[in-house]
């Protein structure tokens, strides 16, 4: 079935919020490890792909970005100084995040000549919904400890939202997972599953459930296949080599 596209916004670079100083250097280490942190008024990143920089700048998930394949293979080391007025943001986390994303977008537009537009595209998704017998996990008070970890086919989450959990599921399925549960709180979750294409073992060995089965059996949620319009970001232009520091 042919995909349906609807352009809803042409995003123009905004230079209102900018880092004070930015250093961007290509990383050709071919290392599988990357890291980033924001601390003491600095944002630093090591071996960060251009794709991940765009995802962070626009606060989108991987399946929402459409652009050249090489976005994922071009890696960089970055050091950027955050203005003191932003570091000392008193308006709360949301305002700080908005300012930080604006600075990232400005950096990408200025240094990589990035031009993007937003659109909506109908695509196959898993809709995460509550099963007929209800959920099998507990809601926890907001504002407490939060975090998550995924190791191979084991997930543990503390104080995570359903949207965050849907993102984790999306990283382990062939199509995006969207939250349709209607659950607005934060929750403690554990999930164990087997990769869909695990060629190990034999027919006489009991097989662990795949991820869709595990979600229903262990958590009381269901993953239903359906078509849904998804907002995406389309890269119209970007350059592999950033302008000089």
C-alpha atoms as a PDB file:
ATOM      1  CA  UNK A   1       0.000   0.000   0.000  1.00  0.00           C
ATOM      2  CA  UNK A   2       1.354   3.394  -0.949  1.00  0.00           C
ATOM      3  CA  UNK A   3       2.209   5.649   1.972  1.00  0.00           C
ATOM      4  CA  UNK A   4       0.191   8.831   2.484  1.00  0.00           C
ATOM      5  CA  UNK A   5       2.171  12.009   3.000  1.00  0.00           C
ATOM      6  CA  UNK A   6       0.918  15.350   4.294  1.00  0.00           C
ATOM      7  CA  UNK A   7       3.320  18.226   4.772  1.00  0.00           C
ATOM      8  CA  UNK A   8       2.262  20.270   7.792  1.00  0.00           C
ATOM      9  CA  UNK A   9       5.182  22.598   8.505  1.00  0.00           C
ATOM     10  CA  UNK A  10       8.255  23.987   6.835  1.00  0.00           C
ATOM     11  CA  UNK A  11      10.853  24.342   9.570  1.00  0.00           C
ATOM     12  CA  UNK A  12      13.179  27.324   9.111  1.00  0.00           C
ATOM     13  CA  UNK A  13      16.372  27.618  11.145  1.00  0.00           C
ATOM     14  CA  UNK A  14      15.972  29.752  14.236  1.00  0.00           C
ATOM     15  CA  UNK A  15      19.065  31.440  15.582  1.00  0.00           C
ATOM     16  CA  UNK A  16      17.457  32.982  18.670  1.00  0.00           C
ATOM     17  CA  UNK A  17      19.110  30.484  21.040  1.00  0.00           C
ATOM     18  CA  UNK A  18      22.738  29.593  20.392  1.00  0.00           C
ATOM     19  CA  UNK A  19      25.652  27.960  22.172  1.00  0.00           C
ATOM     20  CA  UNK A  20      28.356  30.453  23.106  1.00  0.00           C
ATOM     21  CA  UNK A  21      31.207  28.328  21.721  1.00  0.00           C
ATOM     22  CA  UNK A  22      31.013  25.124  19.686  1.00  0.00           C
ATOM     23  CA  UNK A  23      33.763  22.702  18.647  1.00  0.00           C
ATOM     24  CA  UNK A  24      32.855  19.913  16.203  1.00  0.00           C
ATOM     25  CA  UNK A  25      35.447  17.395  15.034  1.00  0.00           C
ATOM     26  CA  UNK A  26      34.961  14.250  12.911  1.00  0.00           C
ATOM     27  CA  UNK A  27      35.404  10.984  14.808  1.00  0.00           C
ATOM     28  CA  UNK A  28      36.778   8.237  12.570  1.00  0.00           C
ATOM     29  CA  UNK A  29      37.504   5.718  15.306  1.00  0.00           C
ATOM     30  CA  UNK A  30      34.862   3.260  14.049  1.00  0.00           C
ATOM     31  CA  UNK A  31      34.143   2.563  17.713  1.00  0.00           C
ATOM     32  CA  UNK A  32      30.784   1.088  18.612  1.00  0.00           C
ATOM     33  CA  UNK A  33      30.672   3.189  21.784  1.00  0.00           C
ATOM     34  CA  UNK A  34      29.335   6.711  22.033  1.00  0.00           C
ATOM     35  CA  UNK A  35      28.565   8.972  24.969  1.00  0.00           C
ATOM     36  CA  UNK A  36      27.200  12.397  25.751  1.00  0.00           C
ATOM     37  CA  UNK A  37      26.592  14.491  28.837  1.00  0.00           C
ATOM     38  CA  UNK A  38      25.464  17.934  29.883  1.00  0.00           C
ATOM     39  CA  UNK A  39      27.158  19.206  33.013  1.00  0.00           C
ATOM     40  CA  UNK A  40      28.455  22.471  34.479  1.00  0.00           C
ATOM     41  CA  UNK A  41      27.321  24.548  31.543  1.00  0.00           C
ATOM     42  CA  UNK A  42      28.861  22.294  28.879  1.00  0.00           C
ATOM     43  CA  UNK A  43      27.412  19.783  26.452  1.00  0.00           C
ATOM     44  CA  UNK A  44      29.975  17.203  25.357  1.00  0.00           C
ATOM     45  CA  UNK A  45      29.606  14.245  23.050  1.00  0.00           C
ATOM     46  CA  UNK A  46      32.016  11.566  21.861  1.00  0.00           C
ATOM     47  CA  UNK A  47      31.489   9.569  18.684  1.00  0.00           C
ATOM     48  CA  UNK A  48      27.930  10.879  18.249  1.00  0.00           C
ATOM     49  CA  UNK A  49      26.297  10.219  14.884  1.00  0.00           C
ATOM     50  CA  UNK A  50      24.782  13.096  12.964  1.00  0.00           C
ATOM     51  CA  UNK A  51      21.502  11.169  13.023  1.00  0.00           C
ATOM     52  CA  UNK A  52      21.486  11.115  16.818  1.00  0.00           C
ATOM     53  CA  UNK A  53      22.287  14.823  16.962  1.00  0.00           C
ATOM     54  CA  UNK A  54      19.214  15.540  14.832  1.00  0.00           C
ATOM     55  CA  UNK A  55      17.053  13.223  16.943  1.00  0.00           C
ATOM     56  CA  UNK A  56      18.139  15.042  20.094  1.00  0.00           C
ATOM     57  CA  UNK A  57      17.745  18.503  18.588  1.00  0.00           C
ATOM     58  CA  UNK A  58      14.161  17.870  17.513  1.00  0.00           C
ATOM     59  CA  UNK A  59      13.175  15.512  20.352  1.00  0.00           C
ATOM     60  CA  UNK A  60      11.983  12.779  17.996  1.00  0.00           C
ATOM     61  CA  UNK A  61      12.343   9.014  17.843  1.00  0.00           C
ATOM     62  CA  UNK A  62      14.465   7.182  15.293  1.00  0.00           C
ATOM     63  CA  UNK A  63      11.531   6.032  13.149  1.00  0.00           C
ATOM     64  CA  UNK A  64      10.380   9.655  12.822  1.00  0.00           C
ATOM     65  CA  UNK A  65      13.489  10.783  10.925  1.00  0.00           C
ATOM     66  CA  UNK A  66      13.804  10.350   7.165  1.00  0.00           C
ATOM     67  CA  UNK A  67      17.048  11.368   5.507  1.00  0.00           C
ATOM     68  CA  UNK A  68      20.217  10.047   3.821  1.00  0.00           C
ATOM     69  CA  UNK A  69      21.501   6.677   5.033  1.00  0.00           C
ATOM     70  CA  UNK A  70      24.892   8.183   5.872  1.00  0.00           C
ATOM     71  CA  UNK A  71      23.399  10.214   8.730  1.00  0.00           C
ATOM     72  CA  UNK A  72      24.030   7.188  10.914  1.00  0.00           C
ATOM     73  CA  UNK A  73      27.606   6.599   9.763  1.00  0.00           C
ATOM     74  CA  UNK A  74      29.042  10.117  10.128  1.00  0.00           C
ATOM     75  CA  UNK A  75      30.260  10.540  13.732  1.00  0.00           C
ATOM     76  CA  UNK A  76      31.584  13.563  15.595  1.00  0.00           C
ATOM     77  CA  UNK A  77      33.092  14.743  18.873  1.00  0.00           C
ATOM     78  CA  UNK A  78      31.333  17.853  20.130  1.00  0.00           C
ATOM     79  CA  UNK A  79      31.942  20.364  22.878  1.00  0.00           C
ATOM     80  CA  UNK A  80      29.510  23.259  23.295  1.00  0.00           C
ATOM     81  CA  UNK A  81      29.252  25.937  25.981  1.00  0.00           C
ATOM     82  CA  UNK A  82      25.712  26.606  27.184  1.00  0.00           C
ATOM     83  CA  UNK A  83      24.959  30.282  27.958  1.00  0.00           C
ATOM     84  CA  UNK A  84      24.819  30.985  31.680  1.00  0.00           C
ATOM     85  CA  UNK A  85      21.279  32.356  31.422  1.00  0.00           C
ATOM     86  CA  UNK A  86      20.143  28.983  30.059  1.00  0.00           C
ATOM     87  CA  UNK A  87      22.173  26.927  32.548  1.00  0.00           C
ATOM     88  CA  UNK A  88      20.598  28.934  35.354  1.00  0.00           C
ATOM     89  CA  UNK A  89      17.103  28.471  33.906  1.00  0.00           C
ATOM     90  CA  UNK A  90      14.578  28.904  36.684  1.00  0.00           C
ATOM     91  CA  UNK A  91      11.514  28.171  34.583  1.00  0.00           C
ATOM     92  CA  UNK A  92      11.689  24.416  35.008  1.00  0.00           C
ATOM     93  CA  UNK A  93      12.906  21.436  33.021  1.00  0.00           C
ATOM     94  CA  UNK A  94      10.532  21.970  30.086  1.00  0.00           C
ATOM     95  CA  UNK A  95      11.780  25.491  29.435  1.00  0.00           C
ATOM     96  CA  UNK A  96      15.394  24.377  29.758  1.00  0.00           C
ATOM     97  CA  UNK A  97      14.816  21.512  27.294  1.00  0.00           C
ATOM     98  CA  UNK A  98      13.124  23.869  24.824  1.00  0.00           C
ATOM     99  CA  UNK A  99      16.090  26.279  25.002  1.00  0.00           C
ATOM    100  CA  UNK A 100      18.596  23.436  24.641  1.00  0.00           C
ATOM    101  CA  UNK A 101      16.797  21.983  21.606  1.00  0.00           C
ATOM    102  CA  UNK A 102      16.685  25.443  20.021  1.00  0.00           C
ATOM    103  CA  UNK A 103      20.464  25.745  20.451  1.00  0.00           C
ATOM    104  CA  UNK A 104      20.995  22.281  18.945  1.00  0.00           C
ATOM    105  CA  UNK A 105      18.810  23.164  15.967  1.00  0.00           C
ATOM    106  CA  UNK A 106      20.699  26.407  15.428  1.00  0.00           C
ATOM    107  CA  UNK A 107      24.024  24.573  15.601  1.00  0.00           C
ATOM    108  CA  UNK A 108      22.938  21.995  13.022  1.00  0.00           C
ATOM    109  CA  UNK A 109      21.543  24.649  10.690  1.00  0.00           C
ATOM    110  CA  UNK A 110      24.660  26.815  10.955  1.00  0.00           C
ATOM    111  CA  UNK A 111      27.376  24.160  10.937  1.00  0.00           C
ATOM    112  CA  UNK A 112      25.802  21.392   8.813  1.00  0.00           C
ATOM    113  CA  UNK A 113      23.412  23.556   6.744  1.00  0.00           C
ATOM    114  CA  UNK A 114      20.580  21.337   7.903  1.00  0.00           C
ATOM    115  CA  UNK A 115      17.172  22.092   6.404  1.00  0.00           C
ATOM    116  CA  UNK A 116      14.177  20.038   7.490  1.00  0.00           C
ATOM    117  CA  UNK A 117      10.407  19.969   7.244  1.00  0.00           C
ATOM    118  CA  UNK A 118       7.759  18.253   9.297  1.00  0.00           C
ATOM    119  CA  UNK A 119       5.203  15.964   7.701  1.00  0.00           C
ATOM    120  CA  UNK A 120       2.759  13.230   8.601  1.00  0.00           C
ATOM    121  CA  UNK A 121       3.058   9.766   7.138  1.00  0.00           C
ATOM    122  CA  UNK A 122       0.685   6.840   7.468  1.00  0.00           C
ATOM    123  CA  UNK A 123       2.666   3.767   8.450  1.00  0.00           C
ATOM    124  CA  UNK A 124       2.240   0.398  10.067  1.00  0.00           C
ATOM    125  CA  UNK A 125       2.617   0.567  13.840  1.00  0.00           C
ATOM    126  CA  UNK A 126       1.999  -1.439  16.951  1.00  0.00           C
ATOM    127  CA  UNK A 127      -0.642   0.246  19.107  1.00  0.00           C
ATOM    128  CA  UNK A 128       0.139  -0.420  22.755  1.00  0.00           C
ATOM    129  CA  UNK A 129      -3.194  -0.909  24.553  1.00  0.00           C
ATOM    130  CA  UNK A 130      -4.406  -2.300  27.868  1.00  0.00           C
ATOM    131  CA  UNK A 131      -5.449  -5.972  27.671  1.00  0.00           C
ATOM    132  CA  UNK A 132      -8.944  -7.145  28.581  1.00  0.00           C
ATOM    133  CA  UNK A 133      -7.856  -8.288  32.060  1.00  0.00           C
ATOM    134  CA  UNK A 134      -6.052  -5.064  32.961  1.00  0.00           C
ATOM    135  CA  UNK A 135      -2.435  -4.271  33.729  1.00  0.00           C
ATOM    136  CA  UNK A 136      -0.108  -6.498  35.771  1.00  0.00           C
ATOM    137  CA  UNK A 137       2.238  -3.814  37.117  1.00  0.00           C
ATOM    138  CA  UNK A 138       2.041  -1.046  39.685  1.00  0.00           C
ATOM    139  CA  UNK A 139       1.835   2.692  39.367  1.00  0.00           C
ATOM    140  CA  UNK A 140       4.342   4.561  41.543  1.00  0.00           C
ATOM    141  CA  UNK A 141       4.243   8.137  42.870  1.00  0.00           C
ATOM    142  CA  UNK A 142       5.606  10.763  40.459  1.00  0.00           C
ATOM    143  CA  UNK A 143       8.796  12.580  41.381  1.00  0.00           C
ATOM    144  CA  UNK A 144      10.529   9.498  42.748  1.00  0.00           C
ATOM    145  CA  UNK A 145      13.494   7.593  41.314  1.00  0.00           C
ATOM    146  CA  UNK A 146      13.254   7.030  37.580  1.00  0.00           C
ATOM    147  CA  UNK A 147      15.349   5.246  34.993  1.00  0.00           C
ATOM    148  CA  UNK A 148      15.505   2.216  32.779  1.00  0.00           C
ATOM    149  CA  UNK A 149      17.949  -0.308  31.398  1.00  0.00           C
ATOM    150  CA  UNK A 150      17.809  -2.811  28.575  1.00  0.00           C
ATOM    151  CA  UNK A 151      20.240  -5.690  28.365  1.00  0.00           C
ATOM    152  CA  UNK A 152      19.741  -7.944  25.360  1.00  0.00           C
ATOM    153  CA  UNK A 153      16.172  -9.149  25.890  1.00  0.00           C
ATOM    154  CA  UNK A 154      15.615  -7.963  29.460  1.00  0.00           C
ATOM    155  CA  UNK A 155      14.104  -4.589  30.383  1.00  0.00           C
ATOM    156  CA  UNK A 156      13.801  -3.003  33.801  1.00  0.00           C
ATOM    157  CA  UNK A 157      12.131   0.354  34.311  1.00  0.00           C
ATOM    158  CA  UNK A 158      11.641   2.428  37.441  1.00  0.00           C
ATOM    159  CA  UNK A 159       9.133   5.253  37.394  1.00  0.00           C
ATOM    160  CA  UNK A 160       8.753   5.196  33.596  1.00  0.00           C
ATOM    161  CA  UNK A 161       5.846   6.490  31.550  1.00  0.00           C
ATOM    162  CA  UNK A 162       4.002   4.450  28.948  1.00  0.00           C
ATOM    163  CA  UNK A 163       5.396   6.711  26.220  1.00  0.00           C
ATOM    164  CA  UNK A 164       8.928   5.902  27.386  1.00  0.00           C
ATOM    165  CA  UNK A 165       8.111   2.212  27.475  1.00  0.00           C
ATOM    166  CA  UNK A 166       6.657   2.384  23.956  1.00  0.00           C
ATOM    167  CA  UNK A 167       9.950   3.911  22.819  1.00  0.00           C
ATOM    168  CA  UNK A 168      11.860   0.979  24.330  1.00  0.00           C
ATOM    169  CA  UNK A 169       9.576  -1.475  22.563  1.00  0.00           C
ATOM    170  CA  UNK A 170      10.093   0.383  19.276  1.00  0.00           C
ATOM    171  CA  UNK A 171      13.826  -0.260  19.559  1.00  0.00           C
ATOM    172  CA  UNK A 172      13.147  -4.007  19.646  1.00  0.00           C
ATOM    173  CA  UNK A 173      10.458  -4.362  16.971  1.00  0.00           C
ATOM    174  CA  UNK A 174      10.407  -3.959  13.210  1.00  0.00           C
ATOM    175  CA  UNK A 175       7.795  -1.179  13.305  1.00  0.00           C
ATOM    176  CA  UNK A 176       7.137   1.732  15.714  1.00  0.00           C
ATOM    177  CA  UNK A 177       5.176   1.189  18.921  1.00  0.00           C
ATOM    178  CA  UNK A 178       2.821   4.016  19.897  1.00  0.00           C
ATOM    179  CA  UNK A 179       1.193   4.479  23.283  1.00  0.00           C
ATOM    180  CA  UNK A 180      -2.602   4.113  23.123  1.00  0.00           C
ATOM    181  CA  UNK A 181      -3.003   2.856  26.703  1.00  0.00           C
ATOM    182  CA  UNK A 182      -4.420   6.057  28.143  1.00  0.00           C
ATOM    183  CA  UNK A 183      -2.253   5.456  31.232  1.00  0.00           C
ATOM    184  CA  UNK A 184      -0.911   8.818  32.391  1.00  0.00           C
ATOM    185  CA  UNK A 185       1.165   7.850  35.449  1.00  0.00           C
ATOM    186  CA  UNK A 186       4.633   6.384  35.911  1.00  0.00           C
ATOM    187  CA  UNK A 187       5.258   2.720  36.601  1.00  0.00           C
ATOM    188  CA  UNK A 188       7.767   0.068  37.634  1.00  0.00           C
ATOM    189  CA  UNK A 189       8.119  -2.523  34.864  1.00  0.00           C
ATOM    190  CA  UNK A 190      10.073  -5.685  34.105  1.00  0.00           C
ATOM    191  CA  UNK A 191      10.000  -7.608  30.841  1.00  0.00           C
ATOM    192  CA  UNK A 192      11.830 -10.652  29.506  1.00  0.00           C
ATOM    193  CA  UNK A 193      11.441 -11.914  25.967  1.00  0.00           C
ATOM    194  CA  UNK A 194      13.242 -13.783  23.203  1.00  0.00           C
ATOM    195  CA  UNK A 195      14.441 -12.178  20.000  1.00  0.00           C
ATOM    196  CA  UNK A 196      12.121 -12.954  17.126  1.00  0.00           C
ATOM    197  CA  UNK A 197      14.879 -14.359  14.917  1.00  0.00           C
ATOM    198  CA  UNK A 198      16.972 -16.265  17.409  1.00  0.00           C
ATOM    199  CA  UNK A 199      18.429 -19.248  15.551  1.00  0.00           C
ATOM    200  CA  UNK A 200      19.862 -20.924  18.651  1.00  0.00           C
ATOM    201  CA  UNK A 201      18.374 -23.843  20.526  1.00  0.00           C
ATOM    202  CA  UNK A 202      16.328 -26.730  19.137  1.00  0.00           C
ATOM    203  CA  UNK A 203      12.736 -27.835  18.847  1.00  0.00           C
ATOM    204  CA  UNK A 204      12.893 -29.792  22.129  1.00  0.00           C
ATOM    205  CA  UNK A 205      13.929 -26.749  24.162  1.00  0.00           C
ATOM    206  CA  UNK A 206      11.090 -24.649  25.640  1.00  0.00           C
ATOM    207  CA  UNK A 207      11.048 -21.314  23.841  1.00  0.00           C
ATOM    208  CA  UNK A 208      10.753 -18.026  25.673  1.00  0.00           C
ATOM    209  CA  UNK A 209       7.943 -15.778  24.398  1.00  0.00           C
ATOM    210  CA  UNK A 210       8.529 -13.205  21.698  1.00  0.00           C
ATOM    211  CA  UNK A 211       8.179  -9.574  22.667  1.00  0.00           C
ATOM    212  CA  UNK A 212       4.480  -9.227  21.757  1.00  0.00           C
ATOM    213  CA  UNK A 213       3.592 -12.347  23.732  1.00  0.00           C
ATOM    214  CA  UNK A 214       5.750 -11.294  26.671  1.00  0.00           C
ATOM    215  CA  UNK A 215       4.144  -7.848  26.854  1.00  0.00           C
ATOM    216  CA  UNK A 216       0.694  -9.428  27.121  1.00  0.00           C
ATOM    217  CA  UNK A 217       1.601 -12.322  29.440  1.00  0.00           C
ATOM    218  CA  UNK A 218       3.855 -10.416  31.819  1.00  0.00           C
ATOM    219  CA  UNK A 219       2.386  -6.907  31.780  1.00  0.00           C
ATOM    220  CA  UNK A 220      -1.251  -7.251  30.712  1.00  0.00           C
ATOM    221  CA  UNK A 221      -0.707  -4.986  27.692  1.00  0.00           C
ATOM    222  CA  UNK A 222      -1.304  -5.807  24.033  1.00  0.00           C
ATOM    223  CA  UNK A 223       0.510  -4.750  20.874  1.00  0.00           C
ATOM    224  CA  UNK A 224      -2.009  -4.446  18.042  1.00  0.00           C
ATOM    225  CA  UNK A 225      -0.971  -3.935  14.439  1.00  0.00           C
ATOM    226  CA  UNK A 226      -2.688  -1.008  12.766  1.00  0.00           C
ATOM    227  CA  UNK A 227      -2.092   1.918  10.435  1.00  0.00           C
ATOM    228  CA  UNK A 228      -1.672   5.302  12.049  1.00  0.00           C
ATOM    229  CA  UNK A 229      -0.494   8.767  10.955  1.00  0.00           C
ATOM    230  CA  UNK A 230       2.916   9.476  12.455  1.00  0.00           C
ATOM    231  CA  UNK A 231       4.629  12.853  12.551  1.00  0.00           C
ATOM    232  CA  UNK A 232       8.051  12.653  10.909  1.00  0.00           C
ATOM    233  CA  UNK A 233      10.947  14.973  10.189  1.00  0.00           C
ATOM    234  CA  UNK A 234      12.225  14.978   6.608  1.00  0.00           C
ATOM    235  CA  UNK A 235      15.773  16.122   5.881  1.00  0.00           C
ATOM    236  CA  UNK A 236      15.731  18.242   2.716  1.00  0.00           C
ATOM    237  CA  UNK A 237      19.403  19.221   2.879  1.00  0.00           C
ATOM    238  CA  UNK A 238      22.410  18.470   5.068  1.00  0.00           C
ATOM    239  CA  UNK A 239      26.176  18.484   4.524  1.00  0.00           C
ATOM    240  CA  UNK A 240      28.536  15.747   5.692  1.00  0.00           C
ATOM    241  CA  UNK A 241      31.324  18.125   6.659  1.00  0.00           C
ATOM    242  CA  UNK A 242      30.561  20.880   9.175  1.00  0.00           C
ATOM    243  CA  UNK A 243      31.900  24.361   8.705  1.00  0.00           C
ATOM    244  CA  UNK A 244      35.178  25.011  10.488  1.00  0.00           C
ATOM    245  CA  UNK A 245      35.358  25.777  14.206  1.00  0.00           C
END
